PDB file of N, CA and C in Angstrom:
ATOM      1  N   MET A   1     103.348 100.352  78.717  1.00  0.00           N
ATOM      2  CA  MET A   1     103.548  99.947  80.092  1.00  0.00           C
ATOM      3  C   MET A   1     102.784 100.912  81.005  1.00  0.00           C
ATOM      4  N   THR A   2     102.147 100.381  82.004  1.00  0.00           N
ATOM      5  CA  THR A   2     101.357 101.170  82.940  1.00  0.00           C
ATOM      6  C   THR A   2     102.263 101.894  83.923  1.00  0.00           C
ATOM      7  N   GLU A   3     101.949 103.140  84.173  1.00  0.00           N
ATOM      8  CA  GLU A   3     102.715 103.953  85.113  1.00  0.00           C
ATOM      9  C   GLU A   3     102.282 103.633  86.544  1.00  0.00           C
ATOM     10  N   VAL A   4     103.248 103.295  87.395  1.00  0.00           N
ATOM     11  CA  VAL A   4     102.972 103.007  88.806  1.00  0.00           C
ATOM     12  C   VAL A   4     103.793 103.981  89.649  1.00  0.00           C
ATOM     13  N   THR A   5     103.112 104.655  90.569  1.00  0.00           N
ATOM     14  CA  THR A   5     103.754 105.640  91.437  1.00  0.00           C
ATOM     15  C   THR A   5     103.471 105.274  92.887  1.00  0.00           C
ATOM     16  N   LEU A   6     104.474 105.438  93.726  1.00  0.00           N
ATOM     17  CA  LEU A   6     104.319 105.195  95.162  1.00  0.00           C
ATOM     18  C   LEU A   6     104.318 106.539  95.879  1.00  0.00           C
ATOM     19  N   LEU A   7     103.410 106.708  96.822  1.00  0.00           N
ATOM     20  CA  LEU A   7     103.327 107.926  97.622  1.00  0.00           C
ATOM     21  C   LEU A   7     103.904 107.617  99.002  1.00  0.00           C
ATOM     22  N   TYR A   8     104.876 108.426  99.421  1.00  0.00           N
ATOM     23  CA  TYR A   8     105.569 108.222 100.696  1.00  0.00           C
ATOM     24  C   TYR A   8     105.443 109.452 101.582  1.00  0.00           C
ATOM     25  N   TRP A   9     105.431 109.239 102.892  1.00  0.00           N
ATOM     26  CA  TRP A   9     105.716 110.304 103.849  1.00  0.00           C
ATOM     27  C   TRP A   9     107.079 109.953 104.416  1.00  0.00           C
ATOM     28  N   ARG A  10     108.047 110.788 104.142  1.00  0.00           N
ATOM     29  CA  ARG A  10     109.449 110.491 104.422  1.00  0.00           C
ATOM     30  C   ARG A  10     109.797 109.153 103.786  1.00  0.00           C
ATOM     31  N   ASP A  11     110.091 108.125 104.568  1.00  0.00           N
ATOM     32  CA  ASP A  11     110.435 106.825 103.981  1.00  0.00           C
ATOM     33  C   ASP A  11     109.350 105.781 104.209  1.00  0.00           C
ATOM     34  N   ILE A  12     108.158 106.209 104.617  1.00  0.00           N
ATOM     35  CA  ILE A  12     107.060 105.275 104.900  1.00  0.00           C
ATOM     36  C   ILE A  12     106.058 105.308 103.747  1.00  0.00           C
ATOM     37  N   PRO A  13     105.829 104.181 103.072  1.00  0.00           N
ATOM     38  CA  PRO A  13     104.864 104.180 101.968  1.00  0.00           C
ATOM     39  C   PRO A  13     103.442 104.357 102.491  1.00  0.00           C
ATOM     40  N   ALA A  14     102.608 105.036 101.699  1.00  0.00           N
ATOM     41  CA  ALA A  14     101.233 105.287 102.119  1.00  0.00           C
ATOM     42  C   ALA A  14     100.218 104.863 101.067  1.00  0.00           C
ATOM     43  N   GLN A  15     100.597 104.927  99.783  1.00  0.00           N
ATOM     44  CA  GLN A  15      99.616 104.698  98.731  1.00  0.00           C
ATOM     45  C   GLN A  15     100.319 104.250  97.458  1.00  0.00           C
ATOM     46  N   VAL A  16      99.595 103.454  96.645  1.00  0.00           N
ATOM     47  CA  VAL A  16     100.064 103.045  95.328  1.00  0.00           C
ATOM     48  C   VAL A  16      99.104 103.642  94.310  1.00  0.00           C
ATOM     49  N   ILE A  17      99.652 104.315  93.301  1.00  0.00           N
ATOM     50  CA  ILE A  17      98.838 104.937  92.262  1.00  0.00           C
ATOM     51  C   ILE A  17      99.203 104.280  90.937  1.00  0.00           C
ATOM     52  N   VAL A  18      98.198 103.731  90.247  1.00  0.00           N
ATOM     53  CA  VAL A  18      98.417 103.069  88.959  1.00  0.00           C
ATOM     54  C   VAL A  18      97.727 103.896  87.891  1.00  0.00           C
ATOM     55  N   GLY A  19      98.479 104.277  86.863  1.00  0.00           N
ATOM     56  CA  GLY A  19      97.947 105.132  85.813  1.00  0.00           C
ATOM     57  C   GLY A  19      98.257 106.581  86.132  1.00  0.00           C
ATOM     58  N   SER A  20      97.639 107.483  85.359  1.00  0.00           N
ATOM     59  CA  SER A  20      97.862 108.906  85.604  1.00  0.00           C
ATOM     60  C   SER A  20      96.605 109.690  85.267  1.00  0.00           C
ATOM     61  N   GLY A  21      96.553 110.889  85.782  1.00  0.00           N
ATOM     62  CA  GLY A  21      95.416 111.758  85.514  1.00  0.00           C
ATOM     63  C   GLY A  21      94.130 111.265  86.153  1.00  0.00           C
ATOM     64  N   ARG A  22      93.019 111.556  85.483  1.00  0.00           N
ATOM     65  CA  ARG A  22      91.705 111.198  86.028  1.00  0.00           C
ATOM     66  C   ARG A  22      91.446 109.697  86.042  1.00  0.00           C
ATOM     67  N   ARG A  23      92.162 108.960  85.238  1.00  0.00           N
ATOM     68  CA  ARG A  23      91.941 107.508  85.164  1.00  0.00           C
ATOM     69  C   ARG A  23      92.822 106.721  86.130  1.00  0.00           C
ATOM     70  N   ALA A  24      93.566 107.394  86.945  1.00  0.00           N
ATOM     71  CA  ALA A  24      94.456 106.709  87.888  1.00  0.00           C
ATOM     72  C   ALA A  24      93.641 105.978  88.953  1.00  0.00           C
ATOM     73  N   ALA A  25      94.105 104.786  89.286  1.00  0.00           N
ATOM     74  CA  ALA A  25      93.505 104.009  90.379  1.00  0.00           C
ATOM     75  C   ALA A  25      94.440 104.117  91.577  1.00  0.00           C
ATOM     76  N   LYS A  26      93.868 104.394  92.746  1.00  0.00           N
ATOM     77  CA  LYS A  26      94.673 104.577  93.952  1.00  0.00           C
ATOM     78  C   LYS A  26      94.343 103.494  94.961  1.00  0.00           C
ATOM     79  N   GLY A  27      95.384 102.934  95.533  1.00  0.00           N
ATOM     80  CA  GLY A  27      95.216 101.923  96.568  1.00  0.00           C
ATOM     81  C   GLY A  27      95.921 102.361  97.836  1.00  0.00           C
ATOM     82  N   VAL A  28      95.159 102.539  98.893  1.00  0.00           N
ATOM     83  CA  VAL A  28      95.728 102.924 100.186  1.00  0.00           C
ATOM     84  C   VAL A  28      96.264 101.669 100.862  1.00  0.00           C
ATOM     85  N   LEU A  29      97.429 101.774 101.452  1.00  0.00           N
ATOM     86  CA  LEU A  29      98.018 100.637 102.154  1.00  0.00           C
ATOM     87  C   LEU A  29      97.278 100.404 103.472  1.00  0.00           C
ATOM     88  N   PRO A  30      97.486  99.249 104.109  1.00  0.00           N
ATOM     89  CA  PRO A  30      96.798  98.945 105.375  1.00  0.00           C
ATOM     90  C   PRO A  30      97.004 100.032 106.438  1.00  0.00           C
ATOM     91  N   ALA A  31      96.104 100.057 107.401  1.00  0.00           N
ATOM     92  CA  ALA A  31      96.082 101.094 108.444  1.00  0.00           C
ATOM     93  C   ALA A  31      97.388 101.177 109.231  1.00  0.00           C
ATOM     94  N   ARG A  32      98.148 100.101 109.307  1.00  0.00           N
ATOM     95  CA  ARG A  32      99.391 100.148 110.082  1.00  0.00           C
ATOM     96  C   ARG A  32     100.394 101.137 109.485  1.00  0.00           C
ATOM     97  N   PHE A  33     100.318 101.369 108.157  1.00  0.00           N
ATOM     98  CA  PHE A  33     101.198 102.352 107.534  1.00  0.00           C
ATOM     99  C   PHE A  33     100.781 103.768 107.935  1.00  0.00           C
ATOM    100  N   GLU A  34      99.479 104.030 107.951  1.00  0.00           N
ATOM    101  CA  GLU A  34      98.972 105.332 108.389  1.00  0.00           C
ATOM    102  C   GLU A  34      99.337 105.583 109.851  1.00  0.00           C
ATOM    103  N   ALA A  35      99.220 104.548 110.677  1.00  0.00           N
ATOM    104  CA  ALA A  35      99.580 104.678 112.090  1.00  0.00           C
ATOM    105  C   ALA A  35     101.073 104.974 112.245  1.00  0.00           C
ATOM    106  N   ALA A  36     101.898 104.329 111.430  1.00  0.00           N
ATOM    107  CA  ALA A  36     103.342 104.569 111.491  1.00  0.00           C
ATOM    108  C   ALA A  36     103.669 106.002 111.080  1.00  0.00           C
ATOM    109  N   ILE A  37     102.974 106.512 110.066  1.00  0.00           N
ATOM    110  CA  ILE A  37     103.176 107.897 109.633  1.00  0.00           C
ATOM    111  C   ILE A  37     102.779 108.852 110.752  1.00  0.00           C
ATOM    112  N   ASP A  38     101.639 108.604 111.370  1.00  0.00           N
ATOM    113  CA  ASP A  38     101.179 109.466 112.468  1.00  0.00           C
ATOM    114  C   ASP A  38     102.170 109.470 113.632  1.00  0.00           C
ATOM    115  N   ARG A  39     102.663 108.284 114.008  1.00  0.00           N
ATOM    116  CA  ARG A  39     103.632 108.195 115.114  1.00  0.00           C
ATOM    117  C   ARG A  39     104.917 108.942 114.776  1.00  0.00           C
ATOM    118  N   ALA A  40     105.415 108.723 113.556  1.00  0.00           N
ATOM    119  CA  ALA A  40     106.662 109.373 113.148  1.00  0.00           C
ATOM    120  C   ALA A  40     106.497 110.890 113.079  1.00  0.00           C
ATOM    121  N   ALA A  41     105.350 111.354 112.607  1.00  0.00           N
ATOM    122  CA  ALA A  41     105.106 112.798 112.521  1.00  0.00           C
ATOM    123  C   ALA A  41     105.060 113.422 113.915  1.00  0.00           C
ATOM    124  N   MET A  42     104.427 112.736 114.845  1.00  0.00           N
ATOM    125  CA  MET A  42     104.349 113.268 116.213  1.00  0.00           C
ATOM    126  C   MET A  42     105.730 113.305 116.863  1.00  0.00           C
ATOM    127  N   ARG A  43     106.517 112.264 116.647  1.00  0.00           N
ATOM    128  CA  ARG A  43     107.866 112.225 117.233  1.00  0.00           C
ATOM    129  C   ARG A  43     108.758 113.319 116.662  1.00  0.00           C
ATOM    130  N   SER A  44     108.562 113.620 115.373  1.00  0.00           N
ATOM    131  CA  SER A  44     109.410 114.628 114.737  1.00  0.00           C
ATOM    132  C   SER A  44     108.902 116.047 114.955  1.00  0.00           C
ATOM    133  N   GLY A  45     107.707 116.172 115.542  1.00  0.00           N
ATOM    134  CA  GLY A  45     107.127 117.493 115.759  1.00  0.00           C
ATOM    135  C   GLY A  45     106.537 118.097 114.499  1.00  0.00           C
ATOM    136  N   ALA A  46     106.273 117.271 113.492  1.00  0.00           N
ATOM    137  CA  ALA A  46     105.805 117.767 112.198  1.00  0.00           C
ATOM    138  C   ALA A  46     104.291 117.717 112.032  1.00  0.00           C
ATOM    139  N   GLN A  47     103.564 117.256 113.039  1.00  0.00           N
ATOM    140  CA  GLN A  47     102.114 117.154 112.874  1.00  0.00           C
ATOM    141  C   GLN A  47     101.488 118.542 112.749  1.00  0.00           C
ATOM    142  N   GLY A  48     100.580 118.700 111.770  1.00  0.00           N
ATOM    143  CA  GLY A  48      99.861 119.953 111.597  1.00  0.00           C
ATOM    144  C   GLY A  48     100.703 121.124 111.127  1.00  0.00           C
ATOM    145  N   THR A  49     101.847 120.876 110.531  1.00  0.00           N
ATOM    146  CA  THR A  49     102.721 121.959 110.094  1.00  0.00           C
ATOM    147  C   THR A  49     103.098 121.796 108.632  1.00  0.00           C
ATOM    148  N   ASP A  50     103.746 122.831 108.094  1.00  0.00           N
ATOM    149  CA  ASP A  50     104.240 122.758 106.721  1.00  0.00           C
ATOM    150  C   ASP A  50     105.290 121.658 106.579  1.00  0.00           C
ATOM    151  N   ALA A  51     106.021 121.382 107.654  1.00  0.00           N
ATOM    152  CA  ALA A  51     107.029 120.320 107.615  1.00  0.00           C
ATOM    153  C   ALA A  51     106.379 118.974 107.326  1.00  0.00           C
ATOM    154  N   TYR A  52     105.189 118.751 107.884  1.00  0.00           N
ATOM    155  CA  TYR A  52     104.458 117.503 107.635  1.00  0.00           C
ATOM    156  C   TYR A  52     104.091 117.400 106.160  1.00  0.00           C
ATOM    157  N   LEU A  53     103.530 118.453 105.616  1.00  0.00           N
ATOM    158  CA  LEU A  53     103.103 118.431 104.216  1.00  0.00           C
ATOM    159  C   LEU A  53     104.283 118.329 103.259  1.00  0.00           C
ATOM    160  N   SER A  54     105.377 118.974 103.591  1.00  0.00           N
ATOM    161  CA  SER A  54     106.528 118.955 102.687  1.00  0.00           C
ATOM    162  C   SER A  54     107.252 117.610 102.672  1.00  0.00           C
ATOM    163  N   ALA A  55     106.964 116.744 103.637  1.00  0.00           N
ATOM    164  CA  ALA A  55     107.622 115.435 103.695  1.00  0.00           C
ATOM    165  C   ALA A  55     106.988 114.416 102.747  1.00  0.00           C
ATOM    166  N   TRP A  56     105.824 114.733 102.173  1.00  0.00           N
ATOM    167  CA  TRP A  56     105.176 113.815 101.229  1.00  0.00           C
ATOM    168  C   TRP A  56     105.888 113.888  99.889  1.00  0.00           C
ATOM    169  N   ARG A  57     106.059 112.723  99.252  1.00  0.00           N
ATOM    170  CA  ARG A  57     106.700 112.689  97.933  1.00  0.00           C
ATOM    171  C   ARG A  57     106.163 111.531  97.116  1.00  0.00           C
ATOM    172  N   ARG A  58     106.191 111.712  95.808  1.00  0.00           N
ATOM    173  CA  ARG A  58     105.780 110.667  94.863  1.00  0.00           C
ATOM    174  C   ARG A  58     107.030 110.130  94.188  1.00  0.00           C
ATOM    175  N   VAL A  59     107.112 108.807  94.099  1.00  0.00           N
ATOM    176  CA  VAL A  59     108.277 108.152  93.517  1.00  0.00           C
ATOM    177  C   VAL A  59     107.796 107.131  92.496  1.00  0.00           C
ATOM    178  N   PRO A  60     108.337 107.170  91.276  1.00  0.00           N
ATOM    179  CA  PRO A  60     107.966 106.130  90.312  1.00  0.00           C
ATOM    180  C   PRO A  60     108.421 104.764  90.829  1.00  0.00           C
ATOM    181  N   ALA A  61     107.567 103.769  90.680  1.00  0.00           N
ATOM    182  CA  ALA A  61     107.924 102.411  91.112  1.00  0.00           C
ATOM    183  C   ALA A  61     108.993 101.862  90.177  1.00  0.00           C
ATOM    184  N   PRO A  62     109.916 101.070  90.696  1.00  0.00           N
ATOM    185  CA  PRO A  62     110.936 100.477  89.831  1.00  0.00           C
ATOM    186  C   PRO A  62     110.288  99.528  88.831  1.00  0.00           C
ATOM    187  N   PRO A  63     110.852  99.422  87.627  1.00  0.00           N
ATOM    188  CA  PRO A  63     110.277  98.514  86.626  1.00  0.00           C
ATOM    189  C   PRO A  63     110.315  97.065  87.105  1.00  0.00           C
ATOM    190  N   GLN A  64     109.290  96.319  86.753  1.00  0.00           N
ATOM    191  CA  GLN A  64     109.182  94.914  87.144  1.00  0.00           C
ATOM    192  C   GLN A  64     109.431  94.013  85.939  1.00  0.00           C
ATOM    193  N   GLN A  65     110.052  92.894  86.173  1.00  0.00           N
ATOM    194  CA  GLN A  65     110.296  91.902  85.129  1.00  0.00           C
ATOM    195  C   GLN A  65     109.174  90.883  85.106  1.00  0.00           C
ATOM    196  N   GLY A  66     108.924  90.289  83.961  1.00  0.00           N
ATOM    197  CA  GLY A  66     107.950  89.204  83.883  1.00  0.00           C
ATOM    198  C   GLY A  66     106.603  89.655  83.376  1.00  0.00           C
ATOM    199  N   ASP A  67     105.659  88.709  83.375  1.00  0.00           N
ATOM    200  CA  ASP A  67     104.309  88.967  82.888  1.00  0.00           C
ATOM    201  C   ASP A  67     103.478  89.655  83.952  1.00  0.00           C
ATOM    202  N   ALA A  68     102.520  90.437  83.482  1.00  0.00           N
ATOM    203  CA  ALA A  68     101.621  91.137  84.409  1.00  0.00           C
ATOM    204  C   ALA A  68     100.476  90.258  84.812  1.00  0.00           C
TER     205      ALA A  68
END
């Protein structure tokens, strides 16, 4: 089974990573997600700080049923 990981800033998704290591394929979500992250970071005062960087997290995607 292929490993799928989601990259989040706080609770806002930013990227989907399929596979691992050097062979991983990365898909950036549409610009509206990046804009939402930027707005939320500015509102929280986390832009350009360690707080901004520490809010990023990787989460394994939940398993999916059915054929690929």
